[in-house]
N, C-alpha and C. Protein backbone atom coordinates (compact mmCIF):
# COMPACT_ATOMS: atom_id res chain seq x y z
N UNK A 1 4.62 0.30 22.57
CA UNK A 1 6.02 0.56 22.87
C UNK A 1 6.83 0.67 21.57
N UNK A 2 6.25 1.32 20.59
CA UNK A 2 6.87 1.45 19.27
C UNK A 2 7.67 2.75 19.21
N UNK A 3 8.89 2.68 18.66
CA UNK A 3 9.76 3.84 18.54
C UNK A 3 10.20 4.03 17.11
N UNK A 4 10.55 5.26 16.77
CA UNK A 4 11.13 5.54 15.47
C UNK A 4 12.48 4.86 15.34
N UNK A 5 12.95 4.74 14.10
CA UNK A 5 14.23 4.06 13.88
C UNK A 5 15.32 5.01 13.42
N UNK A 6 14.96 6.16 12.86
CA UNK A 6 15.95 7.09 12.33
C UNK A 6 15.25 8.40 11.98
N UNK A 7 15.95 9.29 11.36
CA UNK A 7 15.38 10.48 10.72
C UNK A 7 15.86 10.49 9.28
N UNK A 8 15.14 11.08 8.35
CA UNK A 8 13.88 11.81 8.47
C UNK A 8 12.67 10.89 8.31
N UNK A 9 11.62 11.39 7.65
CA UNK A 9 10.32 10.70 7.69
C UNK A 9 10.28 9.35 6.99
N UNK A 10 10.64 9.33 5.71
CA UNK A 10 10.37 8.15 4.88
C UNK A 10 10.82 6.84 5.51
N UNK A 11 12.07 6.75 6.01
CA UNK A 11 12.49 5.46 6.56
C UNK A 11 11.67 5.00 7.75
N UNK A 12 11.08 5.93 8.50
CA UNK A 12 10.21 5.54 9.60
C UNK A 12 8.90 4.95 9.10
N UNK A 13 8.35 5.54 8.03
CA UNK A 13 7.14 5.00 7.44
C UNK A 13 7.38 3.62 6.85
N UNK A 14 8.52 3.46 6.19
CA UNK A 14 8.87 2.17 5.60
C UNK A 14 9.03 1.12 6.69
N UNK A 15 9.72 1.48 7.78
CA UNK A 15 9.92 0.54 8.88
C UNK A 15 8.59 0.15 9.53
N UNK A 16 7.64 1.08 9.56
CA UNK A 16 6.37 0.80 10.21
C UNK A 16 5.60 -0.34 9.55
N UNK A 17 5.80 -0.53 8.22
CA UNK A 17 5.06 -1.62 7.57
C UNK A 17 5.97 -2.75 7.11
N UNK A 18 7.28 -2.68 7.44
CA UNK A 18 8.16 -3.78 7.01
C UNK A 18 9.20 -4.16 8.04
N UNK A 19 9.27 -3.44 9.17
CA UNK A 19 10.17 -3.84 10.23
C UNK A 19 11.58 -3.32 10.13
N UNK A 20 11.91 -2.55 9.10
CA UNK A 20 13.27 -2.03 8.94
C UNK A 20 13.24 -0.83 8.00
N UNK A 21 14.27 0.03 8.12
CA UNK A 21 14.43 1.10 7.14
C UNK A 21 15.35 0.69 6.00
N UNK A 22 15.87 -0.55 6.03
CA UNK A 22 16.62 -1.15 4.94
C UNK A 22 17.80 -0.30 4.48
N UNK A 23 18.48 0.29 5.46
CA UNK A 23 19.70 1.04 5.16
C UNK A 23 19.48 2.41 4.57
N UNK A 24 18.25 2.91 4.58
CA UNK A 24 17.95 4.20 3.96
C UNK A 24 17.67 5.23 5.04
N UNK A 25 18.31 6.39 4.93
CA UNK A 25 18.07 7.49 5.87
C UNK A 25 17.83 8.79 5.11
N UNK A 26 16.94 8.75 4.13
CA UNK A 26 16.62 9.97 3.39
C UNK A 26 15.18 9.88 2.88
N UNK A 27 14.72 11.00 2.32
CA UNK A 27 13.35 11.13 1.84
C UNK A 27 13.25 11.13 0.32
N UNK A 28 14.20 10.52 -0.36
CA UNK A 28 14.18 10.56 -1.81
C UNK A 28 12.90 9.92 -2.37
N UNK A 29 12.16 10.66 -3.20
CA UNK A 29 10.90 10.12 -3.72
C UNK A 29 11.08 8.96 -4.69
N UNK A 30 12.31 8.75 -5.15
CA UNK A 30 12.56 7.65 -6.09
C UNK A 30 12.94 6.35 -5.38
N UNK A 31 13.05 6.36 -4.06
CA UNK A 31 13.38 5.13 -3.33
C UNK A 31 12.26 4.11 -3.50
N UNK A 32 12.64 2.86 -3.74
CA UNK A 32 11.67 1.77 -3.72
C UNK A 32 12.27 0.61 -2.95
N UNK A 33 11.42 -0.30 -2.51
CA UNK A 33 11.85 -1.36 -1.60
C UNK A 33 11.29 -2.70 -2.07
N UNK A 34 12.11 -3.72 -1.99
CA UNK A 34 11.70 -5.06 -2.39
C UNK A 34 11.85 -5.99 -1.19
N UNK A 35 10.91 -5.87 -0.26
CA UNK A 35 10.99 -6.61 0.99
C UNK A 35 9.59 -7.05 1.42
N UNK A 36 9.55 -8.05 2.25
CA UNK A 36 8.29 -8.47 2.87
C UNK A 36 7.68 -7.31 3.65
N UNK A 37 6.38 -7.15 3.56
CA UNK A 37 5.71 -6.04 4.23
C UNK A 37 4.36 -6.51 4.78
N UNK A 38 3.69 -5.62 5.48
CA UNK A 38 2.42 -5.98 6.10
C UNK A 38 1.38 -6.46 5.09
N UNK A 39 1.35 -5.85 3.92
CA UNK A 39 0.38 -6.26 2.91
C UNK A 39 0.58 -7.73 2.54
N UNK A 40 1.84 -8.14 2.36
CA UNK A 40 2.13 -9.55 2.07
C UNK A 40 1.59 -10.45 3.17
N UNK A 41 1.82 -10.04 4.41
CA UNK A 41 1.40 -10.88 5.54
C UNK A 41 -0.11 -10.89 5.70
N UNK A 42 -0.76 -9.73 5.52
CA UNK A 42 -2.22 -9.70 5.59
C UNK A 42 -2.83 -10.64 4.56
N UNK A 43 -2.39 -10.50 3.32
CA UNK A 43 -3.00 -11.29 2.25
C UNK A 43 -2.69 -12.78 2.40
N UNK A 44 -1.52 -13.10 2.93
CA UNK A 44 -1.20 -14.52 3.17
C UNK A 44 -2.12 -15.13 4.21
N UNK A 45 -2.67 -14.28 5.09
CA UNK A 45 -3.57 -14.77 6.14
C UNK A 45 -5.02 -14.39 5.86
N UNK A 46 -5.30 -14.00 4.62
CA UNK A 46 -6.68 -13.70 4.17
C UNK A 46 -7.31 -12.58 4.98
N UNK A 47 -6.49 -11.56 5.29
CA UNK A 47 -6.96 -10.38 6.00
C UNK A 47 -7.00 -9.20 5.03
N UNK A 48 -8.03 -8.38 5.14
CA UNK A 48 -8.19 -7.25 4.23
C UNK A 48 -7.50 -6.01 4.77
N UNK A 49 -7.22 -5.04 3.89
CA UNK A 49 -6.49 -3.85 4.28
C UNK A 49 -6.84 -2.68 3.36
N UNK A 50 -6.62 -1.47 3.85
CA UNK A 50 -6.76 -0.27 3.04
C UNK A 50 -5.89 0.82 3.65
N UNK A 51 -5.39 1.72 2.80
CA UNK A 51 -4.60 2.85 3.26
C UNK A 51 -5.20 4.12 2.65
N UNK A 52 -5.39 5.13 3.48
CA UNK A 52 -6.03 6.38 3.05
C UNK A 52 -5.03 7.52 3.18
N UNK A 53 -4.79 8.22 2.06
CA UNK A 53 -3.81 9.28 2.01
C UNK A 53 -4.50 10.62 1.73
N UNK A 54 -4.41 11.53 2.68
CA UNK A 54 -5.05 12.83 2.48
C UNK A 54 -4.38 13.58 1.33
N UNK A 55 -5.19 14.17 0.48
CA UNK A 55 -4.77 15.00 -0.66
C UNK A 55 -4.16 14.20 -1.81
N UNK A 56 -4.13 12.88 -1.73
CA UNK A 56 -3.75 12.07 -2.88
C UNK A 56 -4.88 12.17 -3.92
N UNK A 57 -4.56 12.39 -5.20
CA UNK A 57 -5.62 12.71 -6.16
C UNK A 57 -6.49 11.55 -6.60
N UNK A 58 -5.97 10.32 -6.54
CA UNK A 58 -6.76 9.18 -7.01
C UNK A 58 -6.21 7.90 -6.40
N UNK A 59 -7.03 6.86 -6.37
CA UNK A 59 -6.58 5.58 -5.84
C UNK A 59 -5.42 5.05 -6.68
N UNK A 60 -4.38 4.56 -6.00
CA UNK A 60 -3.25 3.98 -6.70
C UNK A 60 -2.29 4.98 -7.30
N UNK A 61 -2.42 6.26 -6.97
CA UNK A 61 -1.52 7.29 -7.50
C UNK A 61 -0.09 7.00 -7.06
N UNK A 62 0.85 6.99 -8.01
CA UNK A 62 2.24 6.65 -7.69
C UNK A 62 3.20 7.82 -7.92
N UNK A 63 2.66 9.00 -8.16
CA UNK A 63 3.52 10.17 -8.32
C UNK A 63 4.19 10.55 -7.02
N UNK A 64 5.24 11.35 -7.11
CA UNK A 64 6.01 11.74 -5.93
C UNK A 64 5.26 12.71 -5.04
N UNK A 65 4.43 13.58 -5.62
CA UNK A 65 3.69 14.55 -4.83
C UNK A 65 2.48 15.05 -5.59
N UNK A 66 1.58 15.72 -4.86
CA UNK A 66 0.42 16.34 -5.47
C UNK A 66 -0.05 17.48 -4.58
N UNK A 67 -0.40 18.64 -5.18
CA UNK A 67 -0.18 19.01 -6.57
C UNK A 67 1.31 19.12 -6.92
N UNK A 68 1.61 19.23 -8.20
CA UNK A 68 3.00 19.22 -8.64
C UNK A 68 3.78 20.39 -8.07
N UNK A 69 3.10 21.52 -7.80
CA UNK A 69 3.81 22.71 -7.34
C UNK A 69 3.59 23.01 -5.86
N UNK A 70 3.00 22.06 -5.12
CA UNK A 70 2.66 22.40 -3.73
C UNK A 70 3.06 21.36 -2.71
N UNK A 71 3.26 20.10 -3.07
CA UNK A 71 3.68 19.04 -2.15
C UNK A 71 2.77 18.93 -0.94
N UNK A 72 1.47 18.89 -1.19
CA UNK A 72 0.52 18.68 -0.10
C UNK A 72 0.46 17.20 0.25
N UNK A 73 0.32 16.35 -0.77
CA UNK A 73 0.53 14.91 -0.61
C UNK A 73 1.94 14.59 -1.09
N UNK A 74 2.66 13.72 -0.34
CA UNK A 74 4.01 13.31 -0.75
C UNK A 74 4.15 11.81 -0.53
N UNK A 75 4.85 11.14 -1.46
CA UNK A 75 4.95 9.69 -1.34
C UNK A 75 5.87 9.24 -0.21
N UNK A 76 6.70 10.13 0.33
CA UNK A 76 7.55 9.75 1.45
C UNK A 76 6.72 9.41 2.69
N UNK A 77 5.47 9.84 2.72
CA UNK A 77 4.57 9.53 3.83
C UNK A 77 3.54 8.46 3.45
N UNK A 78 3.78 7.80 2.32
CA UNK A 78 2.90 6.73 1.86
C UNK A 78 3.77 5.50 1.58
N UNK A 79 4.08 4.72 2.59
CA UNK A 79 5.02 3.61 2.39
C UNK A 79 4.51 2.54 1.44
N UNK A 80 3.21 2.44 1.26
CA UNK A 80 2.64 1.37 0.44
C UNK A 80 3.10 1.47 -1.01
N UNK A 81 3.13 2.69 -1.56
CA UNK A 81 3.51 2.83 -2.97
C UNK A 81 5.03 2.76 -3.16
N UNK A 82 5.78 2.61 -2.08
CA UNK A 82 7.23 2.51 -2.19
C UNK A 82 7.71 1.07 -2.28
N UNK A 83 6.82 0.11 -2.03
CA UNK A 83 7.19 -1.30 -2.10
C UNK A 83 6.84 -1.86 -3.48
N UNK A 84 7.82 -2.49 -4.10
CA UNK A 84 7.67 -2.96 -5.48
C UNK A 84 6.46 -3.86 -5.66
N UNK A 85 6.22 -4.76 -4.71
CA UNK A 85 5.14 -5.73 -4.92
C UNK A 85 3.76 -5.14 -4.65
N UNK A 86 3.71 -3.86 -4.25
CA UNK A 86 2.43 -3.15 -4.18
C UNK A 86 2.30 -2.20 -5.37
N UNK A 87 3.33 -1.39 -5.61
CA UNK A 87 3.26 -0.38 -6.67
C UNK A 87 3.16 -1.01 -8.06
N UNK A 88 3.61 -2.25 -8.19
CA UNK A 88 3.54 -2.92 -9.49
C UNK A 88 2.35 -3.85 -9.63
N UNK A 89 1.42 -3.77 -8.68
CA UNK A 89 0.24 -4.63 -8.69
C UNK A 89 -1.01 -3.74 -8.72
N UNK A 90 -1.68 -3.68 -9.86
CA UNK A 90 -2.82 -2.78 -10.03
C UNK A 90 -3.93 -3.06 -9.02
N UNK A 91 -4.14 -4.33 -8.70
CA UNK A 91 -5.16 -4.67 -7.73
C UNK A 91 -4.84 -4.16 -6.34
N UNK A 92 -3.61 -4.34 -5.92
CA UNK A 92 -3.20 -3.85 -4.61
C UNK A 92 -3.27 -2.32 -4.55
N UNK A 93 -2.87 -1.66 -5.62
CA UNK A 93 -2.88 -0.19 -5.62
C UNK A 93 -4.27 0.37 -5.38
N UNK A 94 -5.32 -0.35 -5.76
CA UNK A 94 -6.67 0.15 -5.54
C UNK A 94 -7.04 0.19 -4.06
N UNK A 95 -6.23 -0.45 -3.23
CA UNK A 95 -6.45 -0.38 -1.78
C UNK A 95 -5.81 0.86 -1.16
N UNK A 96 -5.02 1.60 -1.94
CA UNK A 96 -4.38 2.83 -1.47
C UNK A 96 -5.18 3.99 -2.02
N UNK A 97 -5.99 4.62 -1.17
CA UNK A 97 -7.07 5.50 -1.61
C UNK A 97 -6.91 6.92 -1.09
N UNK A 98 -7.55 7.88 -1.77
CA UNK A 98 -7.64 9.22 -1.20
C UNK A 98 -8.44 9.21 0.10
N UNK A 99 -8.07 10.07 1.02
CA UNK A 99 -8.75 10.15 2.31
C UNK A 99 -10.21 10.58 2.15
N UNK A 100 -10.54 11.20 1.03
CA UNK A 100 -11.93 11.61 0.80
C UNK A 100 -12.88 10.43 0.79
N UNK A 101 -12.37 9.21 0.59
CA UNK A 101 -13.22 8.02 0.59
C UNK A 101 -13.38 7.41 1.98
N UNK A 102 -12.65 7.95 2.94
CA UNK A 102 -12.57 7.30 4.25
C UNK A 102 -13.91 7.25 4.97
N UNK A 103 -14.59 8.38 5.08
CA UNK A 103 -15.84 8.42 5.84
C UNK A 103 -16.87 7.46 5.27
N UNK A 104 -16.99 7.43 3.94
CA UNK A 104 -17.97 6.53 3.32
C UNK A 104 -17.61 5.08 3.57
N UNK A 105 -16.34 4.75 3.47
CA UNK A 105 -15.92 3.38 3.73
C UNK A 105 -16.15 2.99 5.18
N UNK A 106 -15.90 3.93 6.09
CA UNK A 106 -16.07 3.64 7.51
C UNK A 106 -17.52 3.38 7.86
N UNK A 107 -18.43 4.02 7.16
CA UNK A 107 -19.86 3.85 7.47
C UNK A 107 -20.43 2.58 6.85
N UNK A 108 -19.66 1.92 6.00
CA UNK A 108 -20.14 0.70 5.36
C UNK A 108 -19.93 -0.49 6.29
N UNK A 109 -20.45 -1.61 5.88
CA UNK A 109 -20.26 -2.83 6.66
C UNK A 109 -19.17 -3.71 6.06
N UNK A 110 -18.31 -3.08 5.23
CA UNK A 110 -17.24 -3.82 4.56
C UNK A 110 -15.87 -3.26 4.93
N UNK A 111 -15.72 -2.88 6.18
CA UNK A 111 -14.47 -2.27 6.64
C UNK A 111 -13.34 -3.30 6.63
N UNK A 112 -12.14 -2.92 6.14
CA UNK A 112 -11.02 -3.85 6.15
C UNK A 112 -10.57 -4.20 7.57
N UNK A 113 -9.82 -5.28 7.68
CA UNK A 113 -9.25 -5.64 8.98
C UNK A 113 -8.24 -4.60 9.46
N UNK A 114 -7.52 -4.00 8.50
CA UNK A 114 -6.47 -3.04 8.84
C UNK A 114 -6.66 -1.78 8.01
N UNK A 115 -6.62 -0.63 8.68
CA UNK A 115 -6.75 0.67 8.01
C UNK A 115 -5.58 1.55 8.42
N UNK A 116 -4.93 2.16 7.42
CA UNK A 116 -3.85 3.11 7.66
C UNK A 116 -4.30 4.48 7.15
N UNK A 117 -3.97 5.54 7.90
CA UNK A 117 -4.30 6.91 7.48
C UNK A 117 -3.04 7.77 7.55
N UNK A 118 -2.77 8.53 6.50
CA UNK A 118 -1.70 9.53 6.53
C UNK A 118 -2.30 10.90 6.22
N UNK A 119 -2.14 11.89 7.12
CA UNK A 119 -2.57 13.26 6.82
C UNK A 119 -1.68 13.90 5.76
N UNK A 120 -2.14 15.02 5.22
CA UNK A 120 -1.28 15.76 4.30
C UNK A 120 -0.26 16.59 5.09
N UNK A 121 0.56 17.34 4.38
CA UNK A 121 1.68 18.03 5.05
C UNK A 121 1.26 19.28 5.81
N UNK A 122 0.02 19.70 5.68
CA UNK A 122 -0.50 20.75 6.56
C UNK A 122 -1.05 20.16 7.85
N UNK A 123 -1.60 18.95 7.74
CA UNK A 123 -2.26 18.33 8.90
C UNK A 123 -1.34 17.38 9.67
N UNK A 124 -0.09 17.21 9.22
CA UNK A 124 0.83 16.34 9.97
C UNK A 124 1.92 17.15 10.67
N UNK A 125 1.75 18.49 10.72
CA UNK A 125 2.67 19.42 11.39
C UNK A 125 3.96 19.66 10.62
N UNK A 126 4.04 19.18 9.38
CA UNK A 126 5.22 19.46 8.56
C UNK A 126 5.21 20.91 8.08
N UNK A 127 4.13 21.31 7.40
CA UNK A 127 4.00 22.68 6.93
C UNK A 127 4.80 22.98 5.68
N UNK A 128 4.81 24.26 5.34
CA UNK A 128 5.56 24.71 4.18
C UNK A 128 4.79 24.68 2.88
N UNK A 129 3.46 24.69 2.95
CA UNK A 129 2.63 24.61 1.75
C UNK A 129 1.79 25.88 1.64
N UNK A 130 1.76 26.46 0.43
CA UNK A 130 0.94 27.64 0.18
C UNK A 130 -0.51 27.27 -0.07
N UNK A 131 -1.28 28.22 -0.52
CA UNK A 131 -2.72 28.00 -0.74
C UNK A 131 -2.94 27.00 -1.87
N UNK A 132 -3.70 25.96 -1.61
CA UNK A 132 -4.14 25.02 -2.63
C UNK A 132 -5.66 25.11 -2.75
N UNK A 133 -6.36 24.75 -1.69
CA UNK A 133 -7.82 24.88 -1.64
C UNK A 133 -8.14 26.22 -0.96
N UNK A 134 -8.78 27.11 -1.67
CA UNK A 134 -9.04 28.44 -1.12
C UNK A 134 -10.00 28.41 0.06
N UNK A 135 -10.72 27.30 0.26
CA UNK A 135 -11.60 27.20 1.43
C UNK A 135 -10.82 26.85 2.70
N UNK A 136 -9.58 26.39 2.53
CA UNK A 136 -8.78 26.00 3.69
C UNK A 136 -9.09 24.62 4.23
N UNK A 137 -9.97 23.87 3.54
CA UNK A 137 -10.34 22.54 4.03
C UNK A 137 -9.15 21.59 4.08
N UNK A 138 -8.17 21.82 3.23
CA UNK A 138 -6.98 20.97 3.19
C UNK A 138 -5.89 21.45 4.15
N UNK A 139 -6.18 22.51 4.91
CA UNK A 139 -5.20 23.05 5.85
C UNK A 139 -4.31 24.12 5.28
N UNK A 140 -4.41 24.36 3.98
CA UNK A 140 -3.55 25.39 3.37
C UNK A 140 -4.17 26.78 3.54
N UNK A 141 -3.28 27.79 3.63
CA UNK A 141 -1.82 27.72 3.68
C UNK A 141 -1.33 27.28 5.05
N UNK A 142 -0.13 26.69 5.09
CA UNK A 142 0.42 26.25 6.38
C UNK A 142 1.93 26.50 6.38
N UNK A 143 2.36 27.73 6.64
CA UNK A 143 3.80 28.03 6.63
C UNK A 143 4.56 27.21 7.67
N UNK A 144 5.85 27.02 7.41
CA UNK A 144 6.71 26.38 8.40
C UNK A 144 6.73 27.20 9.68
N UNK A 145 6.82 26.51 10.83
CA UNK A 145 7.15 27.20 12.06
C UNK A 145 8.66 27.42 12.12
N UNK A 146 9.09 28.62 12.46
CA UNK A 146 10.53 28.90 12.48
C UNK A 146 11.14 28.66 13.84
N UNK A 147 10.35 28.76 14.90
CA UNK A 147 10.81 28.43 16.25
C UNK A 147 9.68 27.71 16.97
N UNK A 148 10.02 26.98 18.01
CA UNK A 148 9.00 26.21 18.72
C UNK A 148 7.92 27.12 19.28
N UNK A 149 6.68 26.76 18.96
CA UNK A 149 5.49 27.44 19.46
C UNK A 149 5.35 28.88 18.99
N UNK A 150 6.06 29.26 17.90
CA UNK A 150 5.72 30.54 17.30
C UNK A 150 4.34 30.41 16.64
N UNK A 151 3.85 31.48 16.06
CA UNK A 151 2.47 31.47 15.55
C UNK A 151 2.26 30.38 14.50
N UNK A 152 3.24 30.21 13.59
CA UNK A 152 3.09 29.18 12.55
C UNK A 152 3.16 27.78 13.14
N UNK A 153 4.08 27.58 14.07
CA UNK A 153 4.23 26.27 14.70
C UNK A 153 2.96 25.91 15.47
N UNK A 154 2.44 26.87 16.22
CA UNK A 154 1.21 26.64 16.99
C UNK A 154 0.04 26.33 16.06
N UNK A 155 -0.02 27.00 14.91
CA UNK A 155 -1.10 26.76 13.96
C UNK A 155 -1.01 25.35 13.38
N UNK A 156 0.21 24.89 13.10
CA UNK A 156 0.38 23.53 12.58
C UNK A 156 -0.10 22.50 13.59
N UNK A 157 0.23 22.69 14.85
CA UNK A 157 -0.20 21.75 15.89
C UNK A 157 -1.72 21.76 16.03
N UNK A 158 -2.31 22.94 15.92
CA UNK A 158 -3.76 23.04 16.02
C UNK A 158 -4.43 22.31 14.87
N UNK A 159 -3.89 22.49 13.66
CA UNK A 159 -4.46 21.81 12.49
C UNK A 159 -4.32 20.29 12.61
N UNK A 160 -3.19 19.85 13.14
CA UNK A 160 -2.99 18.41 13.33
C UNK A 160 -3.99 17.85 14.34
N UNK A 161 -4.18 18.57 15.42
CA UNK A 161 -5.15 18.14 16.43
C UNK A 161 -6.55 18.01 15.82
N UNK A 162 -6.92 19.00 15.01
CA UNK A 162 -8.24 18.98 14.39
C UNK A 162 -8.40 17.78 13.45
N UNK A 163 -7.33 17.48 12.70
CA UNK A 163 -7.40 16.34 11.79
C UNK A 163 -7.57 15.03 12.55
N UNK A 164 -6.76 14.85 13.59
CA UNK A 164 -6.84 13.62 14.37
C UNK A 164 -8.22 13.50 15.02
N UNK A 165 -8.73 14.61 15.54
CA UNK A 165 -10.05 14.59 16.16
C UNK A 165 -11.11 14.17 15.15
N UNK A 166 -11.01 14.70 13.93
CA UNK A 166 -11.98 14.35 12.90
C UNK A 166 -11.90 12.88 12.51
N UNK A 167 -10.68 12.37 12.38
CA UNK A 167 -10.52 10.96 12.00
C UNK A 167 -11.03 10.04 13.09
N UNK A 168 -10.69 10.36 14.34
CA UNK A 168 -11.13 9.51 15.46
C UNK A 168 -12.64 9.55 15.61
N UNK A 169 -13.22 10.73 15.45
CA UNK A 169 -14.68 10.86 15.53
C UNK A 169 -15.36 10.02 14.46
N UNK A 170 -14.80 10.04 13.24
CA UNK A 170 -15.36 9.25 12.15
C UNK A 170 -15.27 7.76 12.45
N UNK A 171 -14.13 7.34 12.98
CA UNK A 171 -13.96 5.93 13.34
C UNK A 171 -14.95 5.52 14.43
N UNK A 172 -15.09 6.37 15.44
CA UNK A 172 -15.94 6.00 16.58
C UNK A 172 -17.42 6.02 16.24
N UNK A 173 -17.76 6.61 15.09
CA UNK A 173 -19.16 6.58 14.63
C UNK A 173 -19.43 5.37 13.74
N UNK A 174 -18.42 4.58 13.45
CA UNK A 174 -18.56 3.48 12.51
C UNK A 174 -19.15 2.23 13.16
N UNK A 175 -19.78 1.38 12.36
CA UNK A 175 -20.31 0.12 12.90
C UNK A 175 -19.21 -0.76 13.51
N UNK A 176 -18.03 -0.76 12.90
CA UNK A 176 -16.94 -1.60 13.41
C UNK A 176 -16.54 -1.18 14.82
N UNK A 177 -16.45 0.13 15.04
CA UNK A 177 -16.06 0.60 16.36
C UNK A 177 -17.16 0.29 17.39
N UNK A 178 -18.38 0.54 17.01
CA UNK A 178 -19.49 0.30 17.93
C UNK A 178 -19.63 -1.18 18.23
N UNK A 179 -19.13 -2.03 17.35
CA UNK A 179 -19.17 -3.46 17.60
C UNK A 179 -18.12 -3.93 18.59
N UNK A 180 -17.23 -3.03 18.99
CA UNK A 180 -16.25 -3.35 20.02
C UNK A 180 -15.06 -4.17 19.56
N UNK A 181 -14.84 -4.23 18.24
CA UNK A 181 -13.77 -5.09 17.75
C UNK A 181 -12.61 -4.32 17.12
N UNK A 182 -12.56 -3.01 17.35
CA UNK A 182 -11.54 -2.19 16.70
C UNK A 182 -10.64 -1.51 17.72
N UNK A 183 -9.45 -1.12 17.27
CA UNK A 183 -8.51 -0.35 18.10
C UNK A 183 -7.90 0.74 17.24
N UNK A 184 -7.54 1.85 17.87
CA UNK A 184 -6.92 2.99 17.19
C UNK A 184 -5.51 3.18 17.72
N UNK A 185 -4.54 3.28 16.81
CA UNK A 185 -3.16 3.60 17.17
C UNK A 185 -2.78 4.91 16.49
N UNK A 186 -2.25 5.85 17.25
CA UNK A 186 -1.82 7.14 16.70
C UNK A 186 -0.30 7.24 16.84
N UNK A 187 0.39 7.37 15.71
CA UNK A 187 1.85 7.43 15.70
C UNK A 187 2.31 8.77 15.15
N UNK A 188 3.38 9.30 15.72
CA UNK A 188 4.07 10.46 15.14
C UNK A 188 5.50 10.05 14.85
N UNK A 189 6.04 10.56 13.74
CA UNK A 189 7.36 10.06 13.34
C UNK A 189 8.51 10.92 13.83
N UNK A 190 8.25 12.16 14.22
CA UNK A 190 9.32 13.05 14.67
C UNK A 190 8.76 14.06 15.65
N UNK A 191 9.68 14.75 16.36
CA UNK A 191 9.24 15.85 17.21
C UNK A 191 9.79 17.16 16.66
N UNK A 192 9.74 18.22 17.45
CA UNK A 192 10.17 19.53 16.96
C UNK A 192 11.65 19.57 16.62
N UNK A 193 11.97 20.28 15.54
CA UNK A 193 13.37 20.54 15.20
C UNK A 193 13.74 21.88 15.82
N UNK A 194 14.63 21.85 16.80
CA UNK A 194 14.98 23.06 17.54
C UNK A 194 16.44 23.48 17.36
N UNK A 195 17.23 22.68 16.68
CA UNK A 195 18.65 23.00 16.52
C UNK A 195 19.51 22.54 17.69
N UNK A 196 18.96 21.72 18.57
CA UNK A 196 19.70 21.23 19.74
C UNK A 196 20.81 20.28 19.27
N UNK A 197 22.05 20.73 19.37
CA UNK A 197 23.17 19.94 18.85
C UNK A 197 23.31 18.60 19.56
N UNK A 198 22.91 18.53 20.83
CA UNK A 198 23.08 17.29 21.59
C UNK A 198 22.19 16.17 21.07
N UNK A 199 21.12 16.54 20.41
CA UNK A 199 20.20 15.52 19.85
C UNK A 199 20.06 15.69 18.35
N UNK A 200 21.17 16.11 17.71
CA UNK A 200 21.22 16.25 16.25
C UNK A 200 20.17 17.20 15.72
N UNK A 201 19.81 18.20 16.50
CA UNK A 201 18.89 19.23 16.05
C UNK A 201 17.48 19.08 16.55
N UNK A 202 17.12 17.88 17.02
CA UNK A 202 15.76 17.63 17.46
C UNK A 202 15.59 17.99 18.92
N UNK A 203 14.38 18.34 19.30
CA UNK A 203 14.13 18.74 20.68
C UNK A 203 14.48 17.63 21.66
N UNK A 204 14.15 16.40 21.30
CA UNK A 204 14.40 15.26 22.16
C UNK A 204 14.69 14.04 21.32
N UNK A 205 15.54 13.18 21.83
CA UNK A 205 15.80 11.90 21.17
C UNK A 205 15.18 10.75 21.96
N UNK A 206 14.26 11.06 22.89
CA UNK A 206 13.73 10.04 23.79
C UNK A 206 12.98 8.94 23.05
N UNK A 207 12.29 9.27 21.96
CA UNK A 207 11.54 8.26 21.24
C UNK A 207 12.24 7.74 20.00
N UNK A 208 13.47 8.15 19.79
CA UNK A 208 14.19 7.82 18.56
C UNK A 208 15.66 8.16 18.75
N UNK A 209 16.57 7.49 18.41
CA UNK A 209 16.65 6.32 17.58
C UNK A 209 17.97 5.63 17.91
N UNK A 210 18.12 4.42 17.53
CA UNK A 210 19.40 3.73 17.63
C UNK A 210 19.57 2.93 16.35
N UNK A 211 19.67 3.65 15.26
CA UNK A 211 19.70 3.02 13.95
C UNK A 211 21.06 2.39 13.69
N UNK A 212 21.11 1.10 13.43
CA UNK A 212 22.40 0.40 13.39
C UNK A 212 23.24 0.69 12.15
N UNK A 213 22.67 1.30 11.10
CA UNK A 213 23.44 1.47 9.89
C UNK A 213 24.05 2.86 9.77
N UNK A 214 23.92 3.70 10.79
CA UNK A 214 24.54 5.02 10.76
C UNK A 214 26.00 4.94 11.16
N UNK A 215 26.84 5.89 10.74
CA UNK A 215 28.26 5.86 11.10
C UNK A 215 28.44 5.97 12.60
N UNK A 216 29.51 5.37 13.16
CA UNK A 216 29.78 5.47 14.59
C UNK A 216 29.87 6.94 15.02
N UNK A 217 29.24 7.26 16.12
CA UNK A 217 29.28 8.62 16.65
C UNK A 217 28.26 9.56 16.07
N UNK A 218 27.49 9.10 15.07
CA UNK A 218 26.48 9.95 14.48
C UNK A 218 25.35 10.16 15.48
N UNK A 219 24.96 11.42 15.72
CA UNK A 219 23.99 11.72 16.77
C UNK A 219 22.56 11.46 16.33
N UNK A 220 21.96 10.40 16.87
CA UNK A 220 20.51 10.22 16.77
C UNK A 220 20.05 9.64 18.09
């Protein structure tokens, strides 16, 4: 019964691991947060964790995006590197890994108690990225959809479905899943942007939001 707290993306990701968007309603890559978060709570209770970011170039990468000219990976979708007590801790940063390590880690017998996965901007239905990998394995190119269910929009949804299917299949092949002790949660942070003035441009406001720090009368 989890709902988004605001728009756009970053504050929803931040709230997902800390319980609040902390008064922020933007995607600025320079935003950082100094608050209690899931990593603090996991480690206080001796629980292990890992976060896998598709198209992130290396473990612990703290840059705003990658590649520099394509924004396939973006830190607004990686809440872990936005919290001061993670981004300033070299040991903790090693738990924030490229998604390319996911399958190998899943097949091991050393799976963390908690695993987070973020797709890249081609596989999360955001779009707007030109060719990066010429094989298309990263989902590029993935133009923005200009209207709901136009060819580009439909392609983004198809790519997202394929990514989720691949991740779930990998999880279900793992020893942890077969042992019956794991659960999968799939979250989306926004729906289609259609220009609907009644819902501040979004197709529906049913899953979002009643953010208390917005001005009175602001449509969310």
